[in-house]
Amino acid sequence: MNLSPSEFERAIAALLMDPGYRNVKVTGGAGDLGRDITCKDRNSRTVMVQCKR
């Protein structure tokens, strides 16, 4: 709870890189349509992540 919402999103994005997600981008903010992070999995499928803390 010590992280701001944007810091939390960046921390989660960094964690996603470890298991092999690629092109990890933090997209959160006003008008993000619930997508805080977008990335690609090992099969090149687009993955959208919504962060809640």
Protein backbone atom coordinates (compact mmCIF):
# COMPACT_ATOMS: atom_id res chain seq x y z
CA MET A 1 0.00 0.00 0.00
CA ASN A 2 3.06 2.26 0.05
CA LEU A 3 3.08 2.48 -3.76
CA SER A 4 1.02 4.95 -5.73
CA PRO A 5 -1.32 3.40 -8.33
CA SER A 6 1.13 4.16 -11.16
CA GLU A 7 4.06 2.76 -9.15
CA PHE A 8 2.03 -0.38 -8.52
CA GLU A 9 1.29 -0.77 -12.26
CA ARG A 10 5.00 -0.40 -13.08
CA ALA A 11 5.92 -2.98 -10.42
CA ILE A 12 3.45 -5.49 -11.86
CA ALA A 13 4.76 -4.81 -15.39
CA ALA A 14 8.29 -5.58 -14.20
CA LEU A 15 7.10 -8.86 -12.64
CA LEU A 16 5.46 -9.91 -15.92
CA MET A 17 8.79 -9.76 -17.73
CA ASP A 18 10.26 -12.56 -15.58
CA PRO A 19 7.94 -15.35 -16.80
CA GLY A 20 8.56 -14.39 -20.42
CA TYR A 21 5.98 -11.80 -21.40
CA ARG A 22 7.25 -9.47 -24.13
CA ASN A 23 6.48 -5.91 -25.20
CA VAL A 24 5.20 -5.12 -21.70
CA LYS A 25 3.73 -1.61 -21.70
CA VAL A 26 2.01 0.27 -18.89
CA THR A 27 -1.08 1.88 -20.42
CA GLY A 28 -3.04 2.84 -17.30
CA GLY A 29 -4.51 6.27 -16.84
CA ALA A 30 -7.64 8.15 -17.69
CA GLY A 31 -9.56 6.43 -20.47
CA ASP A 32 -7.56 3.19 -20.32
CA LEU A 33 -10.76 1.10 -20.64
CA GLY A 34 -9.63 -1.09 -17.75
CA ARG A 35 -6.28 -1.98 -19.35
CA ASP A 36 -3.38 -1.01 -17.15
CA ILE A 37 -0.77 -3.17 -18.88
CA THR A 38 -0.59 -4.76 -22.32
CA CYS A 39 1.93 -7.39 -23.38
CA LYS A 40 2.47 -10.46 -25.54
CA ASP A 41 2.67 -14.01 -24.24
CA ARG A 42 5.01 -16.75 -25.53
CA ASN A 43 2.54 -17.53 -28.33
CA SER A 44 2.43 -13.86 -29.43
CA ARG A 45 -1.12 -13.42 -28.12
CA THR A 46 -2.00 -10.01 -26.74
CA VAL A 47 -2.60 -10.01 -22.99
CA MET A 48 -4.33 -7.14 -21.20
CA VAL A 49 -3.93 -6.76 -17.43
CA GLN A 50 -6.05 -4.76 -15.01
CA CYS A 51 -4.25 -3.97 -11.75
CA LYS A 52 -6.11 -3.81 -8.45
CA ARG A 53 -4.50 -3.14 -5.13
